[in-house]
Amino acid sequence: MGPAAAVIHVTLPKTGACGGSYTSSKMRVDFALLFGGRDVADSAAESLRADGYEVGFQDQHDGRSIVVTASPPAAQSVDEIAAARKRMDALARELGGAFLGEGGSEQYVLPR
């Protein structure tokens, strides 16, 4: 008997007749930002909450780094997600942190 096989079904949003973009589709994407201490993480969280994001914190194994997770208040279009990525990256840089990208529960450590 051969190796086991798995079938994965993925449903993608429909595109236009010419294969247009997915900008009319909405999805939820969570973001993660890394900071070197609680004070800057709290500042980022305050800013994100003011924009309507639900915010969480993940203390990291190094005992000093903190990941701030940000969930938007509603599903976003592809264009809105792209704008949010830019906003997250700018906020992280402004506060001396790093934008990690879209969610995940991995442990991150700031480079020394």
Protein backbone atom coordinates (compact mmCIF):
# COMPACT_ATOMS: atom_id res chain seq x y z
CA MET A 1 0.00 0.00 0.00
CA GLY A 2 1.36 3.45 -0.96
CA PRO A 3 1.73 6.53 1.23
CA ALA A 4 -1.40 8.15 2.62
CA ALA A 5 -2.78 11.06 0.64
CA ALA A 6 -4.67 14.12 1.75
CA VAL A 7 -6.94 16.31 -0.33
CA ILE A 8 -7.20 19.97 0.63
CA HIS A 9 -10.01 22.07 -0.79
CA VAL A 10 -9.50 25.82 -0.99
CA THR A 11 -12.29 28.17 -2.01
CA LEU A 12 -11.06 31.42 -3.49
CA PRO A 13 -13.26 34.45 -4.06
CA LYS A 14 -14.51 34.88 -7.60
CA THR A 15 -12.69 37.29 -9.86
CA GLY A 16 -14.07 39.45 -12.64
CA ALA A 17 -14.59 38.16 -16.17
CA CYS A 18 -11.05 39.21 -17.07
CA GLY A 19 -9.52 37.65 -13.96
CA GLY A 20 -9.55 40.95 -12.04
CA SER A 21 -8.34 41.43 -8.50
CA TYR A 22 -9.89 40.16 -5.30
CA THR A 23 -10.53 43.67 -3.99
CA SER A 24 -14.26 43.09 -3.63
CA SER A 25 -13.69 40.19 -1.22
CA LYS A 26 -13.42 40.79 2.49
CA MET A 27 -11.32 38.78 4.94
CA ARG A 28 -10.03 39.05 8.47
CA VAL A 29 -6.28 39.34 8.87
CA ASP A 30 -4.57 39.75 12.23
CA PHE A 31 -1.27 41.57 12.50
CA ALA A 32 1.75 41.16 14.79
CA LEU A 33 4.24 43.82 15.90
CA LEU A 34 7.32 43.23 18.06
CA PHE A 35 8.59 45.66 20.70
CA GLY A 36 11.48 45.60 23.14
CA GLY A 37 9.51 46.49 26.27
CA ARG A 38 6.11 46.96 27.86
CA ASP A 39 6.05 50.77 27.66
CA VAL A 40 6.39 50.91 23.87
CA ALA A 41 4.06 47.93 23.47
CA ASP A 42 1.46 49.80 25.54
CA SER A 43 1.91 52.91 23.38
CA ALA A 44 1.37 50.86 20.22
CA ALA A 45 -1.68 49.17 21.74
CA GLU A 46 -3.18 52.53 22.68
CA SER A 47 -2.76 53.80 19.12
CA LEU A 48 -4.22 50.63 17.62
CA ARG A 49 -7.21 50.65 19.98
CA ALA A 50 -7.91 54.25 18.94
CA ASP A 51 -8.14 52.92 15.36
CA GLY A 52 -10.66 50.26 16.47
CA TYR A 53 -8.33 47.26 16.64
CA GLU A 54 -8.68 44.57 19.30
CA VAL A 55 -5.23 44.23 20.86
CA GLY A 56 -3.45 41.38 22.62
CA PHE A 57 0.02 40.84 24.09
CA GLN A 58 2.42 37.89 23.95
CA ASP A 59 5.44 38.00 26.25
CA GLN A 60 8.45 36.41 24.61
CA HIS A 61 10.96 33.87 25.91
CA ASP A 62 13.75 36.40 26.17
CA GLY A 63 11.93 38.10 29.05
CA ARG A 64 11.90 41.55 27.44
CA SER A 65 10.31 41.37 23.98
CA ILE A 66 6.56 41.65 23.55
CA VAL A 67 4.45 40.90 20.50
CA VAL A 68 1.38 43.08 20.10
CA THR A 69 -1.35 41.40 18.09
CA ALA A 70 -3.96 43.54 16.38
CA SER A 71 -7.30 42.29 15.04
CA PRO A 72 -9.35 44.67 12.89
CA PRO A 73 -12.92 45.45 13.94
CA ALA A 74 -14.30 43.97 10.70
CA ALA A 75 -13.25 42.02 7.63
CA GLN A 76 -11.13 44.06 5.24
CA SER A 77 -10.67 44.19 1.48
CA VAL A 78 -7.29 43.42 -0.07
CA ASP A 79 -6.68 47.15 -0.49
CA GLU A 80 -7.59 47.83 3.17
CA ILE A 81 -5.25 45.04 4.29
CA ALA A 82 -2.42 46.53 2.22
CA ALA A 83 -3.04 49.94 3.81
CA ALA A 84 -3.15 48.35 7.27
CA ARG A 85 0.19 46.61 6.63
CA LYS A 86 1.76 49.97 5.81
CA ARG A 87 0.21 51.50 8.94
CA MET A 88 1.49 48.64 11.13
CA ASP A 89 5.00 48.87 9.67
CA ALA A 90 5.10 52.65 10.16
CA LEU A 91 3.85 52.38 13.75
CA ALA A 92 6.38 49.68 14.62
CA ARG A 93 9.26 51.68 13.14
CA GLU A 94 8.11 54.89 14.84
CA LEU A 95 8.25 53.15 18.22
CA GLY A 96 11.51 51.26 17.59
CA GLY A 97 9.90 47.90 17.00
CA ALA A 98 9.36 45.60 14.05
CA PHE A 99 6.31 44.68 12.00
CA LEU A 100 6.20 40.88 11.90
CA GLY A 101 3.40 40.54 9.38
CA GLU A 102 0.14 38.72 9.65
CA GLY A 103 -0.61 36.90 12.91
CA GLY A 104 0.80 33.66 14.20
CA SER A 105 1.59 32.32 17.63
CA GLU A 106 5.29 31.76 17.17
CA GLN A 107 7.76 33.27 19.58
CA TYR A 108 9.77 36.21 18.23
CA VAL A 109 12.86 37.87 19.62
CA LEU A 110 14.17 41.32 18.72
CA PRO A 111 17.61 41.18 17.10
CA ARG A 112 20.36 42.54 19.33
